[in-house]
Protein backbone atom coordinates (compact mmCIF):
# COMPACT_ATOMS: atom_id res chain seq x y z
CA MET A 1 -10.70 -2.38 -13.94
CA VAL A 2 -9.54 -1.43 -10.65
CA THR A 3 -12.48 0.02 -8.39
CA SER A 4 -11.94 3.48 -7.39
CA TRP A 5 -9.26 4.18 -4.83
CA ALA A 6 -11.28 7.16 -3.99
CA ASN A 7 -13.80 4.82 -2.39
CA TRP A 8 -11.27 2.93 -0.16
CA GLU A 9 -11.14 3.77 3.09
CA HIS A 10 -9.13 0.66 4.36
CA VAL A 11 -7.21 -1.84 2.46
CA THR A 12 -5.16 -5.00 3.79
CA LYS A 13 -1.67 -5.69 2.47
CA ILE A 14 -0.85 -9.38 2.44
CA ASP A 15 3.18 -10.27 2.39
CA PRO A 16 3.72 -12.92 0.09
CA ASP A 17 6.93 -13.84 2.26
CA LYS A 18 4.76 -14.11 5.54
CA ALA A 19 2.41 -17.13 7.01
CA LEU A 20 -0.93 -16.02 7.88
CA HIS A 21 -1.69 -16.31 11.61
CA ASP A 22 -3.00 -19.75 12.68
CA GLY A 23 -6.14 -20.79 11.16
CA ASP A 24 -6.52 -18.29 8.91
CA THR A 25 -7.30 -18.16 5.40
CA TYR A 26 -6.96 -15.75 2.47
CA ALA A 27 -10.20 -15.93 1.41
CA GLY A 28 -11.30 -14.94 4.89
CA ILE A 29 -9.46 -11.66 4.61
CA ALA A 30 -12.25 -10.04 2.50
CA ASP A 31 -15.07 -10.88 4.82
CA THR A 32 -13.14 -8.45 7.45
CA GLY A 33 -14.87 -5.68 5.28
CA THR A 34 -11.47 -4.12 3.77
CA ASP A 35 -11.86 -2.35 0.51
CA ALA A 36 -9.16 -3.78 -1.45
CA ILE A 37 -6.30 -6.73 -0.95
CA ILE A 38 -2.57 -5.81 -1.94
CA LEU A 39 -0.34 -8.46 -2.14
CA GLY A 40 3.39 -6.76 -1.68
CA GLY A 41 6.46 -6.73 0.62
CA THR A 42 9.75 -5.37 0.43
CA THR A 43 11.38 -8.80 -0.96
CA ASN A 44 10.58 -12.01 -2.55
CA VAL A 45 7.12 -11.00 -4.29
CA THR A 46 7.75 -13.71 -6.66
CA GLU A 47 5.34 -15.31 -9.06
CA VAL A 48 5.77 -18.65 -7.30
CA ARG A 49 4.62 -16.82 -4.19
CA VAL A 50 1.83 -15.07 -5.00
CA GLN A 51 0.04 -16.95 -7.53
CA PRO A 52 -1.15 -19.31 -4.99
CA ILE A 53 -2.46 -16.45 -3.04
CA LEU A 54 -4.31 -15.28 -6.23
CA ASP A 55 -5.81 -18.63 -7.05
CA ALA A 56 -6.86 -18.76 -3.24
CA LEU A 57 -8.56 -15.41 -3.55
CA SER A 58 -9.91 -16.30 -7.18
CA SER A 59 -13.85 -15.88 -5.75
CA THR A 60 -13.09 -12.56 -3.98
CA GLU A 61 -15.05 -10.02 -4.85
CA ILE A 62 -12.93 -6.74 -3.87
CA PRO A 63 -10.35 -5.40 -5.80
CA ILE A 64 -6.89 -7.67 -5.72
CA LEU A 65 -3.77 -5.72 -6.57
CA VAL A 66 -0.03 -6.48 -6.48
CA GLU A 67 2.70 -4.09 -6.02
CA PRO A 68 5.34 -6.52 -7.94
CA THR A 69 9.27 -6.60 -6.89
CA TYR A 70 9.52 -9.12 -9.94
CA ARG A 71 8.70 -9.15 -14.01
CA PRO A 72 4.72 -8.42 -13.98
CA SER A 73 3.16 -11.47 -15.58
CA SER A 74 0.06 -10.81 -18.15
CA SER A 75 -1.15 -14.16 -17.03
CA HIS A 76 -2.22 -12.73 -14.09
CA THR A 77 -4.86 -10.00 -15.12
CA GLU A 78 -7.83 -12.82 -14.72
CA THR A 79 -7.27 -13.20 -11.22
CA LEU A 80 -5.85 -9.44 -10.69
CA SER A 81 -7.29 -6.18 -10.41
CA GLY A 82 -4.33 -4.17 -11.65
CA TYR A 83 -0.90 -3.63 -10.37
CA LEU A 84 0.57 -0.83 -8.10
CA LEU A 85 3.86 -0.06 -9.05
CA PRO A 86 5.75 1.90 -6.44
CA ILE A 87 8.21 4.80 -6.96
CA VAL A 88 9.97 5.72 -4.01
CA LEU A 89 10.31 9.70 -4.03
CA ASN A 90 13.06 9.58 -1.42
CA ALA A 91 14.90 6.74 -2.20
CA ASP A 92 19.18 7.08 -2.76
CA ASP A 93 18.77 4.10 -4.91
CA PRO A 94 17.68 5.07 -8.39
CA LEU A 95 16.44 1.63 -8.85
CA TRP A 96 13.40 2.36 -6.79
CA ILE A 97 12.51 5.49 -8.89
CA THR A 98 12.97 4.47 -12.11
CA GLY A 99 15.36 1.76 -12.50
CA ALA A 100 13.14 -1.25 -12.17
CA HIS A 101 10.24 0.18 -13.45
CA HIS A 102 11.84 0.71 -16.95
CA GLU A 103 12.79 -2.91 -16.22
CA TRP A 104 9.30 -3.93 -16.34
CA VAL A 105 8.53 -1.53 -19.26
CA ARG A 106 11.33 -2.79 -21.26
CA SER A 107 10.48 -6.96 -20.56
CA SER A 108 6.83 -6.89 -19.99
CA ASN A 109 3.76 -6.79 -22.06
CA LEU A 110 1.89 -4.38 -19.68
CA GLU A 111 -1.83 -3.55 -20.25
CA TRP A 112 -1.34 0.00 -19.06
CA GLU A 113 -5.06 0.12 -17.69
CA SER A 114 -4.50 -2.00 -15.29
CA VAL A 115 -1.13 -0.37 -13.88
CA HIS A 116 -0.89 2.67 -11.25
CA PRO A 117 2.22 3.91 -10.02
CA GLU A 118 2.11 4.92 -6.31
CA ALA A 119 4.63 7.93 -5.18
CA TYR A 120 5.56 6.40 -1.84
CA ILE A 121 7.38 8.92 0.87
CA VAL A 122 9.69 5.99 3.14
CA LEU A 123 9.70 7.63 6.91
CA ASN A 124 10.96 4.74 8.85
CA PRO A 125 14.70 4.76 8.90
CA THR A 126 14.87 1.16 10.75
CA SER A 127 12.33 -0.10 8.36
CA ALA A 128 13.15 -3.28 5.85
CA VAL A 129 12.01 -0.87 2.93
CA ALA A 130 14.11 1.92 3.78
CA THR A 131 17.29 -0.14 4.16
CA TYR A 132 16.20 -1.81 0.44
CA THR A 133 15.59 1.42 -1.20
CA GLN A 134 18.18 3.47 0.98
CA ALA A 135 15.63 6.09 1.31
CA ASP A 136 16.45 9.24 3.01
CA CYS A 137 13.98 9.62 6.06
CA ASP A 138 15.66 12.03 7.65
CA LEU A 139 13.02 14.68 6.76
CA ASP A 140 10.62 17.27 8.38
CA VAL A 141 7.27 18.02 7.37
CA ASP A 142 7.96 20.59 5.12
CA ASP A 143 10.13 18.31 3.07
CA VAL A 144 7.05 15.74 3.48
CA ILE A 145 4.60 18.06 1.83
CA ALA A 146 7.37 19.19 -1.03
CA TYR A 147 7.43 15.84 -1.96
CA ALA A 148 3.61 14.98 -2.01
CA GLU A 149 3.30 18.30 -4.10
CA LEU A 150 6.27 17.24 -6.19
CA ALA A 151 4.42 13.89 -6.67
CA GLU A 152 0.96 15.37 -7.44
CA GLN A 153 1.94 18.77 -9.28
CA ILE A 154 4.58 17.94 -11.22
CA LEU A 155 4.73 14.06 -11.90
CA GLY A 156 1.05 13.82 -12.32
CA GLN A 157 0.64 10.94 -9.17
CA GLN A 158 -2.85 9.90 -8.45
CA ILE A 159 -1.90 8.38 -5.25
CA VAL A 160 0.64 9.09 -2.36
CA TYR A 161 1.73 6.96 -0.04
CA LEU A 162 3.10 7.88 3.51
CA GLU A 163 5.11 4.74 4.48
CA TYR A 164 5.83 4.51 8.03
CA SER A 165 6.33 0.50 7.71
CA GLY A 166 6.47 -1.03 11.44
CA MET A 167 5.69 2.18 13.23
CA LEU A 168 2.79 4.57 13.91
CA GLY A 169 3.35 7.84 12.16
CA ASP A 170 2.80 11.45 13.16
CA PRO A 171 -0.47 12.10 12.89
CA ALA A 172 0.27 16.18 12.28
CA VAL A 173 2.91 15.20 9.45
CA VAL A 174 0.08 12.88 7.67
CA ALA A 175 -2.76 15.64 8.36
CA ALA A 176 -0.55 18.08 6.46
CA THR A 177 0.52 15.99 4.16
CA ARG A 178 -3.70 15.37 3.00
CA ASP A 179 -4.01 19.14 3.46
CA THR A 180 -1.65 19.94 0.36
CA LEU A 181 -2.95 17.43 -2.04
CA SER A 182 -5.42 18.87 -4.46
CA SER A 183 -7.06 15.25 -5.89
CA ALA A 184 -4.43 12.88 -5.24
CA GLN A 185 -5.32 9.96 -2.60
CA LEU A 186 -3.37 9.82 0.42
CA PHE A 187 -2.56 6.41 1.26
CA TYR A 188 -1.20 5.65 4.79
CA GLY A 189 0.76 2.64 6.43
CA GLY A 190 2.33 1.89 9.43
CA GLY A 191 2.07 0.36 12.88
CA ILE A 192 -2.05 0.19 12.53
CA HIS A 193 -2.63 -2.87 14.95
CA ASP A 194 -6.02 -1.94 16.63
CA TYR A 195 -9.48 -0.08 16.61
CA ASP A 196 -7.93 2.83 18.37
CA SER A 197 -4.80 3.30 15.84
CA ALA A 198 -6.93 2.84 13.06
CA TYR A 199 -9.24 5.39 13.76
CA GLU A 200 -6.70 8.03 14.54
CA MET A 201 -4.64 7.53 11.19
CA ALA A 202 -7.78 7.18 9.18
CA SER A 203 -9.02 10.31 10.39
CA VAL A 204 -6.01 12.18 8.63
CA ALA A 205 -5.50 10.05 5.74
CA ASP A 206 -7.70 9.33 2.72
CA THR A 207 -6.80 5.21 2.88
CA VAL A 208 -5.27 3.46 5.78
CA ILE A 209 -3.07 0.24 4.73
CA VAL A 210 -2.86 -2.44 7.29
CA GLY A 211 -0.19 -5.35 6.67
CA ASP A 212 1.76 -6.66 10.03
CA VAL A 213 -1.52 -7.19 11.85
CA LEU A 214 -2.90 -9.49 9.40
CA HIS A 215 0.19 -11.72 9.95
CA ASP A 216 1.02 -11.30 13.33
CA ALA A 217 -2.55 -10.84 15.23
CA GLY A 218 -4.75 -12.30 12.53
CA ILE A 219 -8.18 -11.58 10.61
CA GLU A 220 -9.99 -10.59 13.86
CA ALA A 221 -7.57 -7.88 14.54
CA VAL A 222 -7.77 -6.90 11.14
CA GLU A 223 -11.75 -6.69 11.33
CA ALA A 224 -10.86 -4.38 14.17
CA THR A 225 -8.83 -2.11 12.11
CA VAL A 226 -11.85 -1.71 9.68
CA HIS A 227 -14.20 -0.80 12.13
CA GLY A 228 -12.04 2.04 13.34
CA ALA A 229 -10.79 3.04 9.56
CA LYS A 230 -14.61 3.30 8.71
CA ASP A 231 -15.93 5.07 11.99
CA ALA A 232 -13.33 7.66 11.60
CA HIS A 233 -14.36 8.73 8.09
CA GLN A 234 -18.12 8.22 9.05
CA ASP A 235 -17.16 11.03 11.98
CA LYS A 236 -15.36 13.37 9.55
């Protein structure tokens, strides 16, 4: 079972399509103090790329989850805590609203207690994920809030994920989104690269996700973002 994400302040996302920084190891990521690890990326999250990383993380005690862009395999359940399935609410390509999910359900023998949907709102129009999903990123704060309310109140989502992917988002938009949610957890990802940016965004979100900094700057930089996120939560 997945440790409750209500306790997650900082999560590290590993992109299986990218190499680690020089000298870093996958097992070392857990030593940063991050609360969970997600394996995910826009493309090439395939079994052949994911499985070696799972093997390298086999002794890790924190939760490890996969955001699949391939058909999930039940053979991974001994290593994984579960799957996080993105539903991109503002995608113009229906593949990322229900299409891929329909295929996963139709062709996989999923253990549903290990599957957890995430309601994504993609907000960086120049990002790969925006291009890939054909996301409509021309949204003002009221649009974002409405999507968040739709996710929680109509679709019953427990996780709402603001994805700025590659750029630091607007703290006011993130704060307004968090304030509109009654019980869903607000994940934030995008542009967090040091202590200060982690502190800033963790102050207005429930959970911050870091990814690019792991591959671009390495584990020490990730550890700095952990400290920033943890300090922000202590100061709330």
